Amino acid sequence: MAYLTSYVTRVNLSATMVEINKVGLALKTTTALALTVCSVTYGAGQVISGWLCDRYKPHNLILLGFSVTAYVNLLVGVMPQESWLVPLWGINGFAQAMMWPPMVRILSAALEEEDYRRACVRVSWGSSVGTMLVYLAAPLIIQVLNVRWVFYACAAAAVAMLVFWKLAYDGNFEPVTPAVRQTQTASGVPMGSLAAALMAAVFFGIVLQGSLRDGVTIWMPSYV
């Protein structure tokens, strides 16, 4: 539910971009720039968030992420001029980066290896469900009210998830088993130039896959 909510509060801009441009809330170039900046801050934030997970409670990082994304979505809904959109959505990208790394950290500490692998797959379903939910709900909200209410609704969803997470998860972070870390350290990862070459190849593949997938996802409403 948390990962689903994080997607609801992130893909809503791309889902409403056509209407935002139509009503004059922001130009297409501005919304495109906002989405690009969000991708950059989201990617950079993943690295920072992963580092913070080893030093602070992941539970608190997720709370902070939902707090910031709720506030940003609310501000986008009430923004008086389009110049607000790019910096706000850049902040939202960084807030979104506080979701997935802490979730993985919590799962790796709480579950054994096989359960951890299954849980990661199931949690990732939230991205697909969240995206479909936004694409289905946004047109209805726009038809009944207006595009600003899409962001109000997403902000409300983030607040609801914030409260639910606070009440449902007690922040216990003591590892049940070190099985996952044992598997990782015993895998015999090669060092030196070969490791660097393999890492570069993997990194390049991830960039291409992300560019294709996210590019199609972001611009699909415009294509349609």
Protein backbone atom coordinates (compact mmCIF):
# COMPACT_ATOMS: atom_id res chain seq x y z
CA MET A 1 0.00 0.00 0.00
CA ALA A 2 2.85 2.38 0.76
CA TYR A 3 4.56 1.78 -2.57
CA LEU A 4 1.25 2.11 -4.40
CA THR A 5 0.64 5.45 -2.70
CA SER A 6 4.11 6.66 -3.61
CA TYR A 7 3.33 6.05 -7.29
CA VAL A 8 -0.05 7.76 -6.98
CA THR A 9 1.69 10.90 -5.74
CA ARG A 10 4.36 10.79 -8.46
CA VAL A 11 2.74 9.80 -11.78
CA ASN A 12 -0.24 12.12 -11.26
CA LEU A 13 1.56 14.98 -13.02
CA SER A 14 2.13 12.98 -16.20
CA ALA A 15 -1.44 11.66 -16.04
CA THR A 16 -2.86 15.20 -15.90
CA MET A 17 -0.31 16.92 -18.13
CA VAL A 18 -2.65 17.26 -21.12
CA GLU A 19 -5.34 18.90 -18.98
CA ILE A 20 -2.81 21.13 -17.22
CA ASN A 21 -1.64 22.43 -20.58
CA LYS A 22 -5.21 22.74 -21.86
CA VAL A 23 -6.48 24.91 -18.99
CA GLY A 24 -3.33 27.03 -18.94
CA LEU A 25 -2.10 25.98 -15.52
CA ALA A 26 1.36 25.40 -17.04
CA LEU A 27 2.92 25.22 -20.50
CA LYS A 28 3.92 21.88 -22.00
CA THR A 29 7.59 22.88 -21.83
CA THR A 30 7.22 23.61 -18.12
CA THR A 31 5.52 20.32 -17.31
CA ALA A 32 8.10 18.45 -19.37
CA LEU A 33 10.93 20.17 -17.50
CA ALA A 34 9.25 19.41 -14.18
CA LEU A 35 9.04 15.71 -15.05
CA THR A 36 12.68 15.68 -16.12
CA VAL A 37 13.86 17.39 -12.94
CA CYS A 38 11.76 14.93 -10.91
CA SER A 39 13.51 12.00 -12.61
CA VAL A 40 16.93 13.48 -11.84
CA THR A 41 16.18 14.20 -8.18
CA TYR A 42 14.51 10.80 -7.82
CA GLY A 43 17.58 9.02 -9.19
CA ALA A 44 20.04 11.02 -7.11
CA GLY A 45 17.80 10.69 -4.08
CA GLN A 46 17.87 6.88 -4.32
CA VAL A 47 21.61 6.92 -3.65
CA ILE A 48 21.27 9.37 -0.75
CA SER A 49 18.28 7.52 0.67
CA GLY A 50 20.16 4.21 0.57
CA TRP A 51 23.02 5.82 2.49
CA LEU A 52 20.62 7.27 5.06
CA CYS A 53 18.95 3.88 5.56
CA ASP A 54 22.17 2.54 7.06
CA ARG A 55 22.34 5.39 9.57
CA TYR A 56 18.74 6.18 10.50
CA LYS A 57 15.54 4.21 10.93
CA PRO A 58 14.01 3.45 7.51
CA HIS A 59 10.61 3.79 9.18
CA ASN A 60 11.25 7.48 9.81
CA LEU A 61 12.54 8.09 6.28
CA ILE A 62 9.30 6.74 4.84
CA LEU A 63 7.30 8.98 7.17
CA LEU A 64 9.35 11.96 6.03
CA GLY A 65 8.89 11.03 2.38
CA PHE A 66 5.12 10.86 2.68
CA SER A 67 5.02 14.12 4.62
CA VAL A 68 6.97 15.99 1.95
CA THR A 69 5.11 14.49 -1.02
CA ALA A 70 1.75 15.30 0.60
CA TYR A 71 2.79 18.91 1.10
CA VAL A 72 4.18 19.21 -2.43
CA ASN A 73 1.05 17.78 -4.04
CA LEU A 74 -1.08 20.20 -2.03
CA LEU A 75 1.08 23.14 -3.13
CA VAL A 76 0.87 22.08 -6.78
CA GLY A 77 -2.90 22.06 -6.43
CA VAL A 78 -2.99 25.63 -5.13
CA MET A 79 -0.02 27.06 -7.05
CA PRO A 80 -0.84 30.52 -8.43
CA GLN A 81 1.71 30.46 -11.27
CA GLU A 82 3.54 27.86 -13.31
CA SER A 83 7.01 28.88 -12.10
CA TRP A 84 6.26 26.91 -8.94
CA LEU A 85 5.90 23.61 -10.77
CA VAL A 86 9.51 22.74 -11.62
CA PRO A 87 11.06 23.27 -8.14
CA LEU A 88 8.08 21.69 -6.40
CA TRP A 89 8.14 18.57 -8.56
CA GLY A 90 11.90 18.35 -8.15
CA ILE A 91 11.38 18.26 -4.39
CA ASN A 92 8.72 15.61 -4.91
CA GLY A 93 11.20 13.44 -6.79
CA PHE A 94 13.58 13.54 -3.85
CA ALA A 95 10.74 12.78 -1.42
CA GLN A 96 9.73 9.79 -3.55
CA ALA A 97 13.28 8.45 -3.31
CA MET A 98 12.71 8.03 0.43
CA MET A 99 10.21 5.22 -0.24
CA TRP A 100 11.77 2.25 -2.04
CA PRO A 101 15.26 2.00 -0.44
CA PRO A 102 13.85 2.07 3.12
CA MET A 103 11.22 -0.52 2.17
CA VAL A 104 13.90 -2.84 0.79
CA ARG A 105 16.01 -2.25 3.91
CA ILE A 106 13.09 -3.16 6.17
CA LEU A 107 12.24 -6.28 4.16
CA SER A 108 15.85 -7.47 4.07
CA ALA A 109 16.13 -7.13 7.83
CA ALA A 110 12.78 -8.70 8.67
CA LEU A 111 12.55 -11.62 6.23
CA GLU A 112 14.53 -14.66 5.29
CA GLU A 113 16.05 -14.82 1.81
CA GLU A 114 13.23 -16.63 -0.02
CA ASP A 115 10.48 -14.58 1.64
CA TYR A 116 12.48 -11.42 0.90
CA ARG A 117 12.60 -12.17 -2.83
CA ARG A 118 8.87 -12.88 -2.97
CA ALA A 119 8.06 -9.78 -0.93
CA CYS A 120 10.08 -7.48 -3.22
CA VAL A 121 8.16 -8.75 -6.24
CA ARG A 122 4.80 -8.31 -4.53
CA VAL A 123 5.63 -4.86 -3.23
CA SER A 124 6.65 -3.81 -6.74
CA TRP A 125 3.12 -4.64 -7.93
CA GLY A 126 2.14 -1.40 -6.22
CA SER A 127 3.80 0.58 -9.01
CA SER A 128 1.58 -0.97 -11.68
CA VAL A 129 -1.59 -0.75 -9.63
CA GLY A 130 -0.84 2.83 -8.56
CA THR A 131 -0.22 3.93 -12.14
CA MET A 132 -3.45 2.34 -13.39
CA LEU A 133 -5.38 3.84 -10.48
CA VAL A 134 -4.18 7.36 -11.31
CA TYR A 135 -4.90 6.98 -15.03
CA LEU A 136 -8.43 5.78 -14.25
CA ALA A 137 -9.26 8.20 -11.43
CA ALA A 138 -7.72 11.41 -12.79
CA PRO A 139 -10.11 11.82 -15.76
CA LEU A 140 -13.11 11.25 -13.49
CA ILE A 141 -11.93 13.82 -10.96
CA ILE A 142 -11.23 16.32 -13.75
CA GLN A 143 -14.67 15.76 -15.25
CA VAL A 144 -16.49 16.20 -11.93
CA LEU A 145 -14.29 18.92 -10.41
CA ASN A 146 -11.05 20.15 -12.04
CA VAL A 147 -7.41 19.18 -12.45
CA ARG A 148 -6.31 20.81 -9.19
CA TRP A 149 -8.45 18.33 -7.27
CA VAL A 150 -6.34 15.46 -8.61
CA PHE A 151 -3.42 16.81 -6.61
CA TYR A 152 -5.63 17.48 -3.58
CA ALA A 153 -6.80 13.85 -3.70
CA CYS A 154 -3.24 12.57 -4.03
CA ALA A 155 -2.14 14.73 -1.11
CA ALA A 156 -4.98 13.28 0.96
CA ALA A 157 -3.89 9.75 -0.02
CA ALA A 158 -0.34 10.52 1.14
CA VAL A 159 -1.61 11.85 4.47
CA ALA A 160 -3.80 8.77 4.94
CA MET A 161 -0.85 6.51 4.20
CA LEU A 162 1.32 8.54 6.56
CA VAL A 163 -1.15 7.99 9.40
CA PHE A 164 -1.60 4.31 8.54
CA TRP A 165 2.15 3.71 8.39
CA LYS A 166 2.64 5.48 11.71
CA LEU A 167 -0.02 3.36 13.40
CA ALA A 168 0.62 0.01 11.71
CA TYR A 169 4.42 -0.15 11.76
CA ASP A 170 6.17 0.11 15.10
CA GLY A 171 9.63 0.82 13.66
CA ASN A 172 11.18 -2.43 14.94
CA PHE A 173 14.26 -2.91 12.80
CA GLU A 174 16.19 -5.77 14.41
CA PRO A 175 17.18 -8.39 11.81
CA VAL A 176 15.45 -11.74 12.16
CA THR A 177 18.10 -13.54 10.12
CA PRO A 178 21.29 -12.53 8.33
CA ALA A 179 20.55 -14.92 5.46
CA VAL A 180 20.26 -12.22 2.82
CA ARG A 181 23.53 -10.56 3.75
CA GLN A 182 25.28 -13.93 3.99
CA THR A 183 24.21 -14.77 0.46
CA GLN A 184 25.41 -11.43 -0.79
CA THR A 185 28.84 -11.63 0.82
CA ALA A 186 29.39 -15.28 -0.08
CA SER A 187 28.62 -14.81 -3.76
CA GLY A 188 32.26 -14.15 -4.63
CA VAL A 189 31.89 -10.87 -6.53
CA PRO A 190 35.04 -10.27 -8.64
CA MET A 191 37.12 -7.24 -7.82
CA GLY A 192 39.20 -4.82 -9.87
CA SER A 193 38.79 -3.94 -13.54
CA LEU A 194 36.45 -6.84 -14.32
CA ALA A 195 34.05 -5.76 -11.58
CA ALA A 196 34.15 -2.17 -12.86
CA ALA A 197 33.41 -3.32 -16.42
CA LEU A 198 30.51 -5.48 -15.29
CA MET A 199 29.12 -2.66 -13.16
CA ALA A 200 29.37 -0.23 -16.08
CA ALA A 201 27.51 -2.65 -18.36
CA VAL A 202 24.76 -3.19 -15.80
CA PHE A 203 24.50 0.56 -15.18
CA PHE A 204 24.21 1.26 -18.91
CA GLY A 205 21.49 -1.36 -19.29
CA ILE A 206 19.52 0.09 -16.39
CA VAL A 207 19.73 3.59 -17.89
CA LEU A 208 18.44 2.38 -21.27
CA GLN A 209 15.63 0.34 -19.69
CA GLY A 210 14.58 3.20 -17.44
CA SER A 211 14.66 5.73 -20.28
CA LEU A 212 12.43 3.55 -22.46
CA ARG A 213 9.98 2.51 -19.75
CA ASP A 214 9.67 5.85 -17.97
CA GLY A 215 9.61 7.76 -21.26
CA VAL A 216 6.64 5.75 -22.50
CA THR A 217 4.87 5.92 -19.13
CA ILE A 218 5.32 9.68 -18.72
CA TRP A 219 4.21 10.65 -22.23
CA MET A 220 1.47 8.04 -22.75
CA PRO A 221 -1.41 10.50 -21.99
CA SER A 222 -0.01 12.88 -24.61
CA TYR A 223 0.34 10.06 -27.14
CA VAL A 224 -3.26 9.02 -26.57
